[in-house]
Amino acid sequence: MNFEFYNVTFQKVGSGIWVYARGDVKNNTNKDYNTAMFRLSLFDKNLLIWTGTFKVMGFRKGHTRPFEFLMEKLNHKSLEGVSRYEVYFESGY
């Protein structure tokens, strides 16, 4: 599968302690998806500090869609150590 991610940010919103992930993903496959599921993982060097899934609905081939989701149970203070993130396509239909 070939998906490209752009403008990915991790931000605390409001007065709470939780973090939202936001960004854009482009569908470079030859397939339309009603729902595409992705896994996002955050690392502090090689140590995994958070992982979770998110979905993008109505994802047509060749199109770019925004995404936004709450990274449950990730305290915003953990962001200070983030050195990289990885996103993987998990499934789609």
N, C-alpha and C. Protein backbone atom coordinates (compact mmCIF):
# COMPACT_ATOMS: atom_id res chain seq x y z
N MET A 1 0.84 -1.18 0.00
CA MET A 1 0.00 0.00 0.00
C MET A 1 0.88 1.24 0.00
N ASN A 2 0.38 2.28 -0.59
CA ASN A 2 1.19 3.49 -0.69
C ASN A 2 0.35 4.70 -0.26
N PHE A 3 0.64 5.17 0.94
CA PHE A 3 -0.02 6.35 1.48
C PHE A 3 1.06 7.33 1.91
N GLU A 4 0.82 8.62 1.68
CA GLU A 4 1.75 9.66 2.11
C GLU A 4 1.10 10.52 3.17
N PHE A 5 1.88 10.85 4.19
CA PHE A 5 1.39 11.66 5.31
C PHE A 5 2.08 13.01 5.31
N TYR A 6 1.30 14.08 5.52
CA TYR A 6 1.80 15.45 5.50
C TYR A 6 1.29 16.20 6.73
N ASN A 7 2.04 17.21 7.12
CA ASN A 7 1.59 18.16 8.16
C ASN A 7 1.14 17.48 9.44
N VAL A 8 1.81 16.40 9.83
CA VAL A 8 1.41 15.67 11.03
C VAL A 8 1.90 16.42 12.26
N THR A 9 0.96 16.69 13.18
CA THR A 9 1.29 17.39 14.42
C THR A 9 0.64 16.67 15.59
N PHE A 10 1.22 16.87 16.76
CA PHE A 10 0.69 16.32 18.00
C PHE A 10 0.58 17.49 18.96
N GLN A 11 -0.64 17.80 19.39
CA GLN A 11 -0.86 19.01 20.18
C GLN A 11 -1.84 18.78 21.32
N LYS A 12 -1.53 19.39 22.43
CA LYS A 12 -2.47 19.47 23.54
C LYS A 12 -3.56 20.46 23.13
N VAL A 13 -4.79 20.14 23.46
CA VAL A 13 -5.90 21.02 23.11
C VAL A 13 -6.61 21.43 24.39
N GLY A 14 -6.80 22.73 24.54
CA GLY A 14 -7.51 23.25 25.70
C GLY A 14 -6.72 23.08 26.98
N SER A 15 -7.45 22.96 28.08
CA SER A 15 -6.80 22.90 29.39
C SER A 15 -6.55 21.47 29.85
N GLY A 16 -6.94 20.49 29.07
CA GLY A 16 -6.75 19.09 29.45
C GLY A 16 -5.31 18.64 29.30
N ILE A 17 -5.08 17.36 29.60
CA ILE A 17 -3.71 16.83 29.50
C ILE A 17 -3.51 15.97 28.26
N TRP A 18 -4.59 15.68 27.53
CA TRP A 18 -4.50 14.74 26.41
C TRP A 18 -4.02 15.42 25.13
N VAL A 19 -3.66 14.59 24.17
CA VAL A 19 -3.04 15.04 22.92
C VAL A 19 -3.90 14.63 21.73
N TYR A 20 -3.99 15.52 20.75
CA TYR A 20 -4.63 15.21 19.47
C TYR A 20 -3.56 15.11 18.39
N ALA A 21 -3.74 14.12 17.51
CA ALA A 21 -2.91 14.01 16.31
C ALA A 21 -3.72 14.58 15.16
N ARG A 22 -3.05 15.35 14.31
CA ARG A 22 -3.70 15.94 13.14
C ARG A 22 -2.76 15.86 11.96
N GLY A 23 -3.33 15.82 10.77
CA GLY A 23 -2.50 15.83 9.58
C GLY A 23 -3.33 15.53 8.34
N ASP A 24 -2.63 15.25 7.27
CA ASP A 24 -3.26 14.91 5.99
C ASP A 24 -2.62 13.63 5.48
N VAL A 25 -3.43 12.81 4.82
CA VAL A 25 -2.93 11.58 4.22
C VAL A 25 -3.43 11.50 2.79
N LYS A 26 -2.53 11.10 1.88
CA LYS A 26 -2.88 10.96 0.47
C LYS A 26 -2.92 9.49 0.09
N ASN A 27 -3.98 9.11 -0.60
CA ASN A 27 -4.17 7.74 -1.07
C ASN A 27 -3.53 7.59 -2.45
N ASN A 28 -2.34 7.02 -2.48
CA ASN A 28 -1.63 6.80 -3.75
C ASN A 28 -1.84 5.39 -4.29
N THR A 29 -2.82 4.68 -3.76
CA THR A 29 -3.10 3.34 -4.25
C THR A 29 -4.03 3.44 -5.45
N ASN A 30 -4.36 2.30 -6.01
CA ASN A 30 -5.32 2.25 -7.13
C ASN A 30 -6.69 1.81 -6.65
N LYS A 31 -6.98 2.05 -5.36
CA LYS A 31 -8.23 1.57 -4.78
C LYS A 31 -8.92 2.66 -3.98
N ASP A 32 -10.24 2.71 -4.09
CA ASP A 32 -11.06 3.55 -3.22
C ASP A 32 -11.37 2.78 -1.94
N TYR A 33 -11.42 3.47 -0.82
CA TYR A 33 -11.74 2.84 0.46
C TYR A 33 -12.93 3.55 1.10
N ASN A 34 -13.91 2.78 1.54
CA ASN A 34 -14.96 3.35 2.39
C ASN A 34 -14.34 3.74 3.72
N THR A 35 -13.49 2.84 4.24
CA THR A 35 -12.78 3.07 5.49
C THR A 35 -11.37 2.51 5.36
N ALA A 36 -10.39 3.32 5.71
CA ALA A 36 -8.99 2.87 5.78
C ALA A 36 -8.53 3.03 7.22
N MET A 37 -7.94 1.97 7.77
CA MET A 37 -7.45 1.97 9.15
C MET A 37 -5.93 2.06 9.15
N PHE A 38 -5.41 2.92 10.01
CA PHE A 38 -3.97 3.11 10.13
C PHE A 38 -3.55 2.95 11.59
N ARG A 39 -2.30 2.56 11.80
CA ARG A 39 -1.71 2.51 13.14
C ARG A 39 -0.61 3.56 13.20
N LEU A 40 -0.67 4.39 14.24
CA LEU A 40 0.35 5.41 14.49
C LEU A 40 1.12 5.01 15.74
N SER A 41 2.44 5.08 15.68
CA SER A 41 3.29 4.78 16.83
C SER A 41 4.25 5.94 17.05
N LEU A 42 4.42 6.33 18.32
CA LEU A 42 5.36 7.38 18.71
C LEU A 42 6.53 6.75 19.45
N PHE A 43 7.73 7.27 19.17
CA PHE A 43 8.93 6.72 19.77
C PHE A 43 9.77 7.81 20.42
N ASP A 44 10.41 7.45 21.51
CA ASP A 44 11.48 8.23 22.13
C ASP A 44 12.75 7.43 21.83
N LYS A 45 13.49 7.87 20.83
CA LYS A 45 14.59 7.10 20.25
C LYS A 45 14.01 5.78 19.76
N ASN A 46 14.39 4.64 20.32
CA ASN A 46 13.82 3.36 19.87
C ASN A 46 12.79 2.80 20.83
N LEU A 47 12.41 3.57 21.83
CA LEU A 47 11.44 3.13 22.81
C LEU A 47 10.03 3.57 22.38
N LEU A 48 9.14 2.60 22.23
CA LEU A 48 7.75 2.90 21.88
C LEU A 48 7.07 3.53 23.10
N ILE A 49 6.52 4.74 22.92
CA ILE A 49 5.84 5.38 24.05
C ILE A 49 4.32 5.44 23.87
N TRP A 50 3.83 5.25 22.65
CA TRP A 50 2.38 5.23 22.42
C TRP A 50 2.10 4.57 21.08
N THR A 51 1.00 3.83 20.99
CA THR A 51 0.52 3.32 19.71
C THR A 51 -1.00 3.24 19.75
N GLY A 52 -1.61 3.47 18.62
CA GLY A 52 -3.06 3.43 18.51
C GLY A 52 -3.49 3.48 17.06
N THR A 53 -4.76 3.27 16.84
CA THR A 53 -5.28 3.26 15.47
C THR A 53 -6.22 4.43 15.23
N PHE A 54 -6.35 4.77 13.96
CA PHE A 54 -7.32 5.78 13.54
C PHE A 54 -7.83 5.40 12.15
N LYS A 55 -8.98 5.94 11.79
CA LYS A 55 -9.55 5.62 10.49
C LYS A 55 -9.81 6.88 9.68
N VAL A 56 -9.79 6.69 8.37
CA VAL A 56 -10.13 7.75 7.42
C VAL A 56 -11.29 7.21 6.59
N MET A 57 -12.36 7.94 6.57
CA MET A 57 -13.58 7.50 5.87
C MET A 57 -13.67 8.14 4.49
N GLY A 58 -14.30 7.41 3.56
CA GLY A 58 -14.54 7.95 2.22
C GLY A 58 -13.25 8.35 1.52
N PHE A 59 -12.32 7.43 1.43
CA PHE A 59 -10.96 7.74 0.98
C PHE A 59 -10.75 7.23 -0.45
N ARG A 60 -10.92 8.12 -1.41
CA ARG A 60 -10.81 7.76 -2.82
C ARG A 60 -9.37 7.78 -3.29
N LYS A 61 -9.07 6.94 -4.26
CA LYS A 61 -7.71 6.88 -4.82
C LYS A 61 -7.33 8.24 -5.39
N GLY A 62 -6.09 8.63 -5.13
CA GLY A 62 -5.58 9.90 -5.62
C GLY A 62 -5.96 11.11 -4.79
N HIS A 63 -6.79 10.93 -3.78
CA HIS A 63 -7.26 12.05 -2.97
C HIS A 63 -6.47 12.17 -1.67
N THR A 64 -6.47 13.39 -1.13
CA THR A 64 -5.86 13.68 0.17
C THR A 64 -6.97 14.02 1.14
N ARG A 65 -6.91 13.42 2.34
CA ARG A 65 -7.93 13.65 3.35
C ARG A 65 -7.27 14.07 4.66
N PRO A 66 -7.91 14.97 5.39
CA PRO A 66 -7.39 15.32 6.72
C PRO A 66 -7.77 14.23 7.72
N PHE A 67 -7.00 14.16 8.79
CA PHE A 67 -7.37 13.28 9.90
C PHE A 67 -7.10 14.01 11.21
N GLU A 68 -7.85 13.62 12.22
CA GLU A 68 -7.69 14.17 13.57
C GLU A 68 -8.25 13.15 14.53
N PHE A 69 -7.51 12.86 15.59
CA PHE A 69 -8.03 11.92 16.59
C PHE A 69 -7.34 12.16 17.92
N LEU A 70 -8.04 11.80 18.98
CA LEU A 70 -7.52 11.89 20.34
C LEU A 70 -6.60 10.71 20.59
N MET A 71 -5.40 11.00 21.05
CA MET A 71 -4.44 9.95 21.38
C MET A 71 -4.67 9.58 22.85
N GLU A 72 -5.62 8.68 23.07
CA GLU A 72 -6.08 8.35 24.41
C GLU A 72 -4.94 7.90 25.32
N LYS A 73 -4.98 8.41 26.53
CA LYS A 73 -4.04 8.06 27.60
C LYS A 73 -2.60 8.50 27.33
N LEU A 74 -2.39 9.40 26.38
CA LEU A 74 -1.06 9.98 26.16
C LEU A 74 -1.05 11.36 26.78
N ASN A 75 -0.29 11.52 27.83
CA ASN A 75 -0.16 12.81 28.50
C ASN A 75 0.71 13.73 27.64
N HIS A 76 0.33 14.99 27.52
CA HIS A 76 1.05 15.94 26.67
C HIS A 76 2.51 16.09 27.09
N LYS A 77 2.85 15.82 28.34
CA LYS A 77 4.24 15.92 28.78
C LYS A 77 5.13 14.87 28.12
N SER A 78 4.54 13.79 27.64
CA SER A 78 5.30 12.74 26.95
C SER A 78 5.81 13.21 25.60
N LEU A 79 5.21 14.26 25.04
CA LEU A 79 5.61 14.73 23.71
C LEU A 79 7.05 15.27 23.69
N GLU A 80 7.53 15.72 24.83
CA GLU A 80 8.88 16.29 24.89
C GLU A 80 9.94 15.30 24.43
N GLY A 81 9.72 14.00 24.65
CA GLY A 81 10.71 12.99 24.30
C GLY A 81 10.52 12.36 22.94
N VAL A 82 9.49 12.76 22.20
CA VAL A 82 9.21 12.12 20.91
C VAL A 82 10.30 12.47 19.91
N SER A 83 10.93 11.43 19.36
CA SER A 83 11.98 11.64 18.37
C SER A 83 11.52 11.28 16.96
N ARG A 84 10.47 10.43 16.88
CA ARG A 84 9.95 10.06 15.56
C ARG A 84 8.59 9.40 15.73
N TYR A 85 7.88 9.30 14.60
CA TYR A 85 6.62 8.58 14.56
C TYR A 85 6.59 7.73 13.31
N GLU A 86 5.78 6.69 13.34
CA GLU A 86 5.58 5.82 12.19
C GLU A 86 4.09 5.59 12.02
N VAL A 87 3.65 5.53 10.75
CA VAL A 87 2.25 5.26 10.46
C VAL A 87 2.19 4.11 9.46
N TYR A 88 1.35 3.14 9.76
CA TYR A 88 1.19 1.96 8.90
C TYR A 88 -0.27 1.78 8.53
N PHE A 89 -0.50 1.37 7.30
CA PHE A 89 -1.83 0.97 6.86
C PHE A 89 -2.12 -0.39 7.48
N GLU A 90 -3.27 -0.54 8.15
CA GLU A 90 -3.63 -1.82 8.76
C GLU A 90 -4.66 -2.58 7.95
N SER A 91 -5.71 -1.89 7.50
CA SER A 91 -6.74 -2.57 6.73
C SER A 91 -7.65 -1.54 6.08
N GLY A 92 -8.44 -2.01 5.15
CA GLY A 92 -9.39 -1.13 4.50
C GLY A 92 -10.40 -1.92 3.72
N TYR A 93 -11.54 -1.28 3.49
CA TYR A 93 -12.58 -1.91 2.66
C TYR A 93 -13.35 -0.84 1.93
